[in-house]
Every structure is written in structure tokens, then in C-alpha cells.
């Protein structure tokens, strides 16, 4: 098979580091990678790693249909210019634009699903599935997502599994001589310090959300219960507001002050997360919906980890083996698992080591890129067979 040429669609150059990691590794594997995305100061990283950049915002604008049709026209021109073997989209809105613009094109299209949120809501799930055609394929990035597509009638040959890989050094920081976080917070070494690392996303009312997606308020409520058993516990929240969520961020901070006073500490957005993680006795990820999320970071940092039993978290967290699972949207369940973990120090350390081995296995960026490449090859082989069968019928 000759060199594969793939066009990736990424709606943002800010964030989506997983897309950068994947395209970089695919280039190393010999794939000719093109990417359509809005230009930003970080696009040079793609260029430096051999990815060919094209300026475009590849996403539908539901409130501005004229802009959507403009983008669709530009995408068609780009596809005709590049002539890719496969088109690979990484977001729901990018996928909808891809399918709208290219419905008549006989080019295989992959939706690499970054998270299960739209699949958890019937209207959005049906919309996405209804937009798909014969040329569409799916790559799930956790087992829950793959099973959801299969349960909704998608042929198993059309659905693959490839995690969005990471590089461990992103979450492992060298020893630093600065004052420890507990000392900065005037805590004793024996006190329990919980850490949560996540941006603050405003509740989406149209999805029926009353609290933020990441579960910050749930952890604050759990902290009340935890401190009844472990009085000197404090919780550090790392991350700031995302996409104009400043008002929500302020409301959560005020809620925490009312409920637990100075036991909740908000550090905002930090650039030293690799240093912060090893400072935590426990990392908690109480998301309502998630792919594999922040569990990747805390497991790579060998921090005992508690996560809600949703989405892709169970791919990494096996309760009692690699970490602790709690029920989503359930502060008492979070508190129960935190207290359990704190009361079994030898076991939680053993689990952290096992979690580190598991995340190294599942989230290895080089292995994940090879999984993607194998999916490309499988699709192209199938398309060759289909074309040969069609040609034989016409003869």
C-alpha cells in the first residue's frame, strides 16, 4: 500500500493537545498528514513536526447557517486540492460539517469521538447518527463510546477503538526545591490534601445540566462529609474558567466559602501541574461525563486516584485495583471512597503503582497512533474490495 494521505479536521488550535500528539506520531509512522484548523500562535508546533497546515474553522455554526455553508464550500475546495485517502474529524461540530460538505464524495470519513457527552443525550445522539452515510466510520476513544455505537445499530466493522495517547513527561515534574504545597497552606504533613485539576465549564441548560460538567460542587459537598471524619482535610482546585465561564467560576468559589470556608482552595489556572500533582495525597475526578479525562494525569503522576464511574474512567480505574470508583453526582459516594482510601495507606499506594502501569499501557501515544494507522489500512482495504466488487458486477 502506498503512502496514506489523511486530512484531519480540528476546530481549535488551543487545547486539543491529544490531536497534536496523534498527528505528530502519525507523521513518524509515514502518513502524510494535513490538518485544517484556525490559525493560532501554537500551529507552529504542528508544522515543526511535519504536519501540513491549512487555515479553516472546520465546524458547523448552528446559529449562522450562511457561515456554515461558506465553511462547507471551503472544505470541499480543500479536499479537491489535497485529494486525501481519508478524512479524520475530532469533534462533533467538525464531523457534522464534514458530512454536510462531503456527502457526495466517495472518500472514507472517520469521526474520532473525543468524549461521550453527545451520545448520552438522545436528541444529539440521533442527530449525529442520522447525519452519517455509507462512507462514515467511527473511532471510539473509550470502551463505553464503542459499545454505545454498537448498541445503536452501527456495524462492528465500522467502529474501532483508539485512545488519544499522551506522553508521560507532560505530567511528571522533576524534583523542585520550592516550599511544598502543604507548607504553603500551613498544613501538617499528616493532614489530608485532596486535589482536583479541571477547568470550570458552565452548566449547559439545554442538556439539563444544573451543575458544572466536572462535578466541582459535588466534591465541595463531599468535603463537608469528609471533614466530619478527617477534620484537617483541605481540597485544592486547580483550573480556571473555560470559554466565558467567569460568572460560574465565581459562583462555585462563593458556594465553597459558604459550605467549607478555607478548606477549599482555588489556585486558578497553573502552568506547574506536573509539580502540583505529587503534592496531593489523593486526586479526585468527580465528572458527570468524561472520556478518560484527568485520571490519565494523576495516574501518570502515581497519585492515588478516585473517579466517577462514567465514560472512559473505568478503562483506567478498576475499583480496588488501580484506583477507586464512585457514583456520579453523588457526594456521599465520593466521601466514602476518599475516607476508604485514606484509611488504607498501603493499599492506595499499591493501587497507584498499578494505575501507573495501566495508564502506561493504554495511553501510550505511539501505540495509539499505530492503532489509528491500522484502522486507516483496514478501511482502505475494505474500500478497495468494494470497488473491485462493483467493477466485476458492471462487466
Protein backbone atom coordinates (compact mmCIF):
# COMPACT_ATOMS: atom_id res chain seq x y z
CA UNK A 1 0.00 0.00 0.00
CA UNK A 2 1.36 3.44 -0.98
CA UNK A 3 1.79 6.30 1.47
CA UNK A 4 -1.53 7.20 3.08
CA UNK A 5 -2.67 10.81 2.86
CA UNK A 6 -5.07 11.97 5.58
CA UNK A 7 -6.83 15.28 6.22
CA UNK A 8 -7.57 15.94 9.90
CA UNK A 9 -10.26 18.40 10.98
CA UNK A 10 -9.68 20.17 14.30
CA UNK A 11 -11.86 23.14 15.23
CA UNK A 12 -9.36 24.73 17.61
CA UNK A 13 -5.59 25.14 17.82
CA UNK A 14 -5.87 25.96 21.53
CA UNK A 15 -6.21 22.86 23.65
CA UNK A 16 -6.84 19.55 21.86
CA UNK A 17 -3.29 18.50 22.69
CA UNK A 18 -4.37 14.93 22.06
CA UNK A 19 -4.93 15.78 18.39
CA UNK A 20 -1.43 17.25 18.16
CA UNK A 21 0.10 14.17 19.80
CA UNK A 22 -1.71 11.87 17.39
CA UNK A 23 -0.88 13.73 14.18
CA UNK A 24 2.77 14.05 15.22
CA UNK A 25 3.06 10.30 15.75
CA UNK A 26 1.23 9.50 12.50
CA UNK A 27 3.82 11.56 10.61
CA UNK A 28 6.54 9.48 12.26
CA UNK A 29 4.76 6.35 11.00
CA UNK A 30 4.95 7.59 7.43
CA UNK A 31 1.47 9.08 6.99
CA UNK A 32 1.16 12.31 5.00
CA UNK A 33 -0.85 14.37 7.48
CA UNK A 34 -2.75 17.52 6.56
CA UNK A 35 -4.76 19.41 9.14
CA UNK A 36 -7.46 22.06 8.76
CA UNK A 37 -7.75 24.30 11.80
CA UNK A 38 -7.97 28.00 12.71
CA UNK A 39 -4.56 29.66 12.79
CA UNK A 40 -3.20 30.46 16.22
CA UNK A 41 0.18 31.02 17.82
CA UNK A 42 0.52 27.28 18.54
CA UNK A 43 0.13 25.99 14.96
CA UNK A 44 3.91 26.16 14.52
CA UNK A 45 4.11 23.05 16.73
CA UNK A 46 2.28 21.08 14.05
CA UNK A 47 4.49 22.46 11.29
CA UNK A 48 7.68 21.69 13.19
CA UNK A 49 6.55 18.05 13.40
CA UNK A 50 5.85 17.63 9.70
CA UNK A 51 2.09 18.27 9.67
CA UNK A 52 0.86 20.35 6.71
CA UNK A 53 -1.37 23.19 7.91
CA UNK A 54 -4.46 24.63 6.19
CA UNK A 55 -6.36 27.59 7.66
CA UNK A 56 -10.05 26.82 8.16
CA UNK A 57 -12.54 26.64 11.02
CA UNK A 58 -13.96 23.17 10.31
CA UNK A 59 -17.15 23.33 12.35
CA UNK A 60 -20.82 23.98 11.76
CA UNK A 61 -22.31 27.16 13.21
CA UNK A 62 -25.85 26.21 14.17
CA UNK A 63 -26.89 29.83 14.67
CA UNK A 64 -25.23 31.12 11.48
CA UNK A 65 -26.15 28.82 8.57
CA UNK A 66 -24.58 31.13 5.97
CA UNK A 67 -21.18 30.80 7.69
CA UNK A 68 -21.67 27.03 7.81
CA UNK A 69 -22.25 26.89 4.03
CA UNK A 70 -19.19 29.09 3.45
CA UNK A 71 -17.05 26.72 5.50
CA UNK A 72 -18.54 23.71 3.71
CA UNK A 73 -17.61 25.23 0.34
CA UNK A 74 -14.07 25.93 1.53
CA UNK A 75 -13.75 22.40 2.87
CA UNK A 76 -14.82 20.94 -0.49
CA UNK A 77 -12.20 23.07 -2.26
CA UNK A 78 -9.56 21.93 0.21
CA UNK A 79 -10.45 18.26 -0.27
CA UNK A 80 -10.30 18.65 -4.07
CA UNK A 81 -6.89 20.29 -3.70
CA UNK A 82 -5.38 17.72 -1.32
CA UNK A 83 -7.17 14.59 -2.60
CA UNK A 84 -6.85 12.73 0.73
CA UNK A 85 -7.35 8.99 1.07
CA UNK A 86 -9.20 9.51 4.37
CA UNK A 87 -10.72 12.45 6.25
CA UNK A 88 -10.41 12.29 10.04
CA UNK A 89 -12.53 14.56 12.26
CA UNK A 90 -12.07 15.08 16.00
CA UNK A 91 -15.20 16.99 17.14
CA UNK A 92 -18.97 16.66 16.75
CA UNK A 93 -19.33 20.05 15.03
CA UNK A 94 -16.40 19.28 12.71
CA UNK A 95 -17.95 15.92 11.89
CA UNK A 96 -21.31 17.49 11.03
CA UNK A 97 -19.58 19.96 8.70
CA UNK A 98 -17.57 17.13 7.11
CA UNK A 99 -20.69 15.09 6.42
CA UNK A 100 -22.69 18.10 5.18
CA UNK A 101 -19.95 19.28 2.82
CA UNK A 102 -18.81 15.90 1.51
CA UNK A 103 -21.98 13.80 1.32
CA UNK A 104 -21.43 13.11 -2.41
CA UNK A 105 -17.70 12.35 -2.12
CA UNK A 106 -16.53 8.73 -2.15
CA UNK A 107 -13.83 9.32 0.46
CA UNK A 108 -13.90 7.41 3.78
CA UNK A 109 -14.64 9.70 6.72
CA UNK A 110 -13.73 8.97 10.34
CA UNK A 111 -15.26 10.59 13.41
CA UNK A 112 -12.74 10.09 16.23
CA UNK A 113 -15.04 10.64 19.20
CA UNK A 114 -13.22 12.65 21.91
CA UNK A 115 -15.88 12.11 24.55
CA UNK A 116 -19.30 10.53 25.15
CA UNK A 117 -21.30 13.67 26.06
CA UNK A 118 -23.38 13.95 22.88
CA UNK A 119 -24.11 10.20 22.95
CA UNK A 120 -25.61 10.47 26.43
CA UNK A 121 -28.41 12.74 25.16
CA UNK A 122 -30.93 11.13 22.77
CA UNK A 123 -31.55 14.19 20.57
CA UNK A 124 -27.87 14.85 19.89
CA UNK A 125 -27.08 11.16 19.53
CA UNK A 126 -29.83 10.72 16.93
CA UNK A 127 -28.72 13.87 15.08
CA UNK A 128 -25.15 12.63 14.80
CA UNK A 129 -26.16 9.13 13.71
CA UNK A 130 -28.70 10.45 11.20
CA UNK A 131 -26.05 12.60 9.52
CA UNK A 132 -23.83 9.58 8.73
CA UNK A 133 -23.66 7.88 5.35
CA UNK A 134 -22.00 4.87 3.73
CA UNK A 135 -18.56 6.49 3.81
CA UNK A 136 -18.65 7.14 7.55
CA UNK A 137 -16.66 5.29 10.23
CA UNK A 138 -16.12 5.85 13.94
CA UNK A 139 -13.10 5.61 16.21
CA UNK A 140 -14.10 5.49 19.86
CA UNK A 141 -11.61 6.73 22.42
CA UNK A 142 -13.05 4.68 25.27
CA UNK A 143 -14.93 1.38 25.53
CA UNK A 144 -18.21 2.98 26.62
CA UNK A 145 -18.36 5.01 23.41
CA UNK A 146 -17.68 1.99 21.22
CA UNK A 147 -20.39 -0.04 22.95
CA UNK A 148 -22.86 2.83 22.58
CA UNK A 149 -22.43 2.89 18.79
CA UNK A 150 -22.78 -0.87 18.58
CA UNK A 151 -25.91 -0.76 20.76
CA UNK A 152 -27.35 1.82 18.36
CA UNK A 153 -27.00 -0.45 15.35
CA UNK A 154 -23.65 0.59 13.86
CA UNK A 155 -21.84 -2.33 12.18
CA UNK A 156 -18.87 -3.50 14.25
CA UNK A 157 -16.64 -3.27 11.14
CA UNK A 158 -17.28 0.46 11.11
CA UNK A 159 -16.34 1.15 14.73
CA UNK A 160 -12.78 0.97 16.05
CA UNK A 161 -11.12 1.84 19.36
CA UNK A 162 -8.08 4.09 19.66
CA UNK A 163 -7.32 6.08 22.80
CA UNK A 164 -5.98 9.59 22.49
CA UNK A 165 -2.44 8.93 23.65
CA UNK A 166 -0.26 11.19 25.74
CA UNK A 167 3.40 11.46 26.63
CA UNK A 168 4.14 10.73 30.31
CA UNK A 169 6.60 13.60 30.72
CA UNK A 170 3.66 16.02 30.39
CA UNK A 171 2.56 15.08 33.91
CA UNK A 172 5.81 14.20 35.62
CA UNK A 173 7.79 17.10 37.00
CA UNK A 174 11.41 16.98 38.23
CA UNK A 175 12.10 17.49 41.89
CA UNK A 176 11.67 21.11 42.91
CA UNK A 177 13.21 22.75 45.95
CA UNK A 178 10.42 25.28 46.46
CA UNK A 179 8.24 25.10 49.55
CA UNK A 180 5.78 22.22 49.44
CA UNK A 181 2.11 22.93 48.83
CA UNK A 182 1.15 21.74 52.31
CA UNK A 183 3.64 24.14 53.84
CA UNK A 184 2.26 26.96 51.68
CA UNK A 185 -1.21 26.13 53.02
CA UNK A 186 0.04 25.88 56.65
CA UNK A 187 -0.89 22.19 56.77
CA UNK A 188 0.84 19.40 58.64
CA UNK A 189 2.43 16.58 56.63
CA UNK A 190 -0.06 14.16 58.20
CA UNK A 191 -3.10 16.20 57.07
CA UNK A 192 -5.13 15.02 54.07
CA UNK A 193 -4.73 17.14 50.94
CA UNK A 194 -7.11 16.36 48.09
CA UNK A 195 -6.51 17.75 44.59
CA UNK A 196 -8.85 18.27 41.65
CA UNK A 197 -7.47 19.53 38.32
CA UNK A 198 -10.10 20.64 35.81
CA UNK A 199 -11.38 23.73 34.06
CA UNK A 200 -14.74 25.14 35.11
CA UNK A 201 -17.44 24.65 32.46
CA UNK A 202 -20.73 26.47 32.89
CA UNK A 203 -23.80 24.21 33.12
CA UNK A 204 -25.48 23.74 29.74
CA UNK A 205 -29.15 24.26 30.45
CA UNK A 206 -30.21 22.80 27.10
CA UNK A 207 -28.64 19.50 28.23
CA UNK A 208 -30.49 19.64 31.53
CA UNK A 209 -27.32 20.40 33.50
CA UNK A 210 -27.83 22.13 36.85
CA UNK A 211 -24.21 21.82 37.94
CA UNK A 212 -20.96 22.01 36.02
CA UNK A 213 -19.89 19.02 33.97
CA UNK A 214 -16.74 18.37 36.02
CA UNK A 215 -18.54 17.99 39.35
CA UNK A 216 -16.80 20.72 41.36
CA UNK A 217 -19.89 21.32 43.51
CA UNK A 218 -20.20 17.59 44.21
CA UNK A 219 -16.67 17.50 45.58
CA UNK A 220 -17.36 20.55 47.74
CA UNK A 221 -20.42 18.80 49.19
CA UNK A 222 -18.34 15.65 49.72
CA UNK A 223 -15.72 17.71 51.53
CA UNK A 224 -18.28 18.53 54.22
CA UNK A 225 -18.78 14.81 54.88
CA UNK A 226 -15.07 14.01 54.68
CA UNK A 227 -14.16 16.64 57.27
CA UNK A 228 -16.62 15.08 59.72
CA UNK A 229 -14.32 12.03 59.77
CA UNK A 230 -10.98 13.66 58.87
CA UNK A 231 -11.22 17.23 60.24
CA UNK A 232 -7.96 18.68 58.88
CA UNK A 233 -8.74 17.81 55.26
CA UNK A 234 -8.38 20.50 52.63
CA UNK A 235 -9.07 20.38 48.90
CA UNK A 236 -7.19 22.26 46.20
CA UNK A 237 -9.00 23.11 42.96
CA UNK A 238 -6.63 23.73 40.05
CA UNK A 239 -8.03 25.30 36.89
CA UNK A 240 -9.84 28.44 35.84
CA UNK A 241 -12.99 29.27 33.88
CA UNK A 242 -13.28 27.95 30.32
CA UNK A 243 -15.00 29.79 27.48
CA UNK A 244 -16.59 32.77 29.28
CA UNK A 245 -17.43 30.78 32.41
CA UNK A 246 -16.16 33.53 34.75
CA UNK A 247 -19.54 34.04 36.46
CA UNK A 248 -19.90 30.32 37.06
CA UNK A 249 -16.33 30.15 38.41
CA UNK A 250 -17.14 32.94 40.90
CA UNK A 251 -20.39 31.21 41.95
CA UNK A 252 -18.55 27.96 42.69
CA UNK A 253 -15.96 29.78 44.79
CA UNK A 254 -18.71 31.54 46.73
CA UNK A 255 -20.53 28.23 47.20
CA UNK A 256 -17.35 26.70 48.60
CA UNK A 257 -16.80 29.60 51.02
CA UNK A 258 -20.34 29.16 52.35
CA UNK A 259 -20.05 25.39 52.73
CA UNK A 260 -16.47 24.71 53.87
CA UNK A 261 -14.74 28.05 54.36
CA UNK A 262 -10.98 27.95 53.75
CA UNK A 263 -10.96 24.14 53.42
CA UNK A 264 -11.42 24.68 49.68
CA UNK A 265 -8.51 26.45 47.97
CA UNK A 266 -8.79 27.73 44.40
CA UNK A 267 -5.45 28.09 42.62
CA UNK A 268 -6.81 29.06 39.20
CA UNK A 269 -5.01 28.10 36.02
CA UNK A 270 -1.47 26.91 36.69
CA UNK A 271 1.46 26.03 34.46
CA UNK A 272 3.10 23.76 37.04
CA UNK A 273 0.54 20.94 37.21
CA UNK A 274 3.38 18.42 36.94
CA UNK A 275 4.73 19.80 40.22
CA UNK A 276 1.34 20.08 41.89
CA UNK A 277 0.10 16.52 41.33
CA UNK A 278 2.70 14.76 43.52
CA UNK A 279 1.75 17.17 46.33
CA UNK A 280 -1.74 15.64 46.57
CA UNK A 281 -2.46 12.73 48.86
CA UNK A 282 -5.47 11.88 46.70
CA UNK A 283 -6.67 13.07 43.29
CA UNK A 284 -10.43 13.19 42.70
CA UNK A 285 -12.18 13.41 39.31
CA UNK A 286 -15.94 13.66 40.02
CA UNK A 287 -17.05 14.34 36.41
CA UNK A 288 -20.64 13.80 35.29
CA UNK A 289 -19.49 12.88 31.78
CA UNK A 290 -15.95 12.10 30.69
CA UNK A 291 -13.72 10.20 28.35
CA UNK A 292 -10.60 9.26 30.32
CA UNK A 293 -10.07 12.82 31.49
CA UNK A 294 -7.77 13.87 34.28
CA UNK A 295 -7.33 10.30 35.51
CA UNK A 296 -4.56 9.99 32.93
CA UNK A 297 -2.61 12.81 34.57
CA UNK A 298 -2.96 11.67 38.17
CA UNK A 299 -2.14 8.05 37.34
CA UNK A 300 0.97 9.07 35.41
CA UNK A 301 1.96 11.11 38.49
CA UNK A 302 1.40 7.99 40.66
CA UNK A 303 -1.20 9.75 42.80
CA UNK A 304 -3.95 7.53 44.31
CA UNK A 305 -6.98 8.34 42.19
CA UNK A 306 -10.74 8.44 42.73
CA UNK A 307 -13.00 8.92 39.70
CA UNK A 308 -16.70 8.76 38.95
CA UNK A 309 -17.96 5.63 37.25
CA UNK A 310 -18.72 7.24 33.88
CA UNK A 311 -17.47 7.10 30.29
CA UNK A 312 -13.87 6.02 29.92
CA UNK A 313 -12.81 6.30 33.56
CA UNK A 314 -13.40 2.55 34.13
CA UNK A 315 -10.99 1.81 31.25
CA UNK A 316 -8.25 3.09 33.54
CA UNK A 317 -9.70 2.81 37.05
CA UNK A 318 -10.54 -0.70 38.17
CA UNK A 319 -12.04 -0.25 41.62
CA UNK A 320 -9.81 -1.71 44.27
CA UNK A 321 -7.02 -2.47 41.79
CA UNK A 322 -5.85 0.71 40.05
CA UNK A 323 -7.89 3.25 42.00
CA UNK A 324 -11.35 3.91 43.37
CA UNK A 325 -14.65 4.45 41.55
CA UNK A 326 -17.53 6.47 42.97
CA UNK A 327 -21.07 7.08 41.75
CA UNK A 328 -21.51 10.22 39.60
CA UNK A 329 -23.35 13.22 41.05
CA UNK A 330 -23.14 11.58 44.47
CA UNK A 331 -21.19 13.49 47.17
CA UNK A 332 -21.69 10.75 49.77
CA UNK A 333 -20.16 8.17 47.40
CA UNK A 334 -17.19 10.47 46.78
CA UNK A 335 -16.72 10.99 50.51
CA UNK A 336 -16.97 7.24 51.21
CA UNK A 337 -14.20 6.45 48.70
CA UNK A 338 -11.95 9.26 49.93
CA UNK A 339 -12.27 8.05 53.52
CA UNK A 340 -11.73 4.45 52.41
CA UNK A 341 -8.57 5.37 50.51
CA UNK A 342 -7.19 7.49 53.35
CA UNK A 343 -7.72 4.67 55.85
CA UNK A 344 -5.73 2.13 53.80
CA UNK A 345 -2.37 3.80 53.04
CA UNK A 346 -0.54 0.64 51.92
CA UNK A 347 -3.38 -0.36 49.59
CA UNK A 348 -3.74 3.06 47.98
CA UNK A 349 -0.01 3.19 47.28
CA UNK A 350 -0.16 -0.27 45.70
CA UNK A 351 -3.10 0.82 43.58
CA UNK A 352 -1.29 3.97 42.45
CA UNK A 353 1.60 1.83 41.19
CA UNK A 354 -0.83 -0.48 39.38
CA UNK A 355 -2.61 2.55 37.92
CA UNK A 356 0.68 3.88 36.62
CA UNK A 357 1.36 0.61 34.82
CA UNK A 358 -2.15 0.54 33.35
CA UNK A 359 -2.06 4.12 32.05
CA UNK A 360 1.36 3.47 30.53
CA UNK A 361 -0.11 0.52 28.67
CA UNK A 362 -3.39 2.04 27.46
CA UNK A 363 -2.38 5.65 26.84
CA UNK A 364 0.99 5.17 25.15
CA UNK A 365 0.86 7.70 22.32
CA UNK A 366 2.98 5.59 19.97
CA UNK A 367 0.78 2.52 20.42
CA UNK A 368 -2.35 4.62 19.97
CA UNK A 369 -1.06 6.10 16.71
CA UNK A 370 -0.37 2.59 15.44
CA UNK A 371 -3.96 1.64 16.30
CA UNK A 372 -5.20 4.59 14.24
CA UNK A 373 -2.96 3.66 11.32
CA UNK A 374 -4.23 0.06 11.38
CA UNK A 375 -7.79 1.38 11.26
CA UNK A 376 -6.87 3.50 8.22
CA UNK A 377 -5.44 0.46 6.47
CA UNK A 378 -8.47 -1.66 7.29
CA UNK A 379 -10.84 0.95 5.86
CA UNK A 380 -8.81 1.38 2.69
CA UNK A 381 -8.60 -2.39 2.16
CA UNK A 382 -12.37 -2.66 2.53
CA UNK A 383 -12.93 0.18 0.06
CA UNK A 384 -10.67 -1.49 -2.50
CA UNK A 385 -12.71 -4.70 -2.18
CA UNK A 386 -15.97 -2.78 -2.62
CA UNK A 387 -14.68 -1.04 -5.75
CA UNK A 388 -13.46 -4.36 -7.20
CA UNK A 389 -16.83 -5.99 -6.50
CA UNK A 390 -18.67 -3.09 -8.15
CA UNK A 391 -16.38 -3.27 -11.20
CA UNK A 392 -16.98 -7.03 -11.56
CA UNK A 393 -20.76 -6.52 -11.43
CA UNK A 394 -20.59 -3.90 -14.19
CA UNK A 395 -18.61 -6.19 -16.51
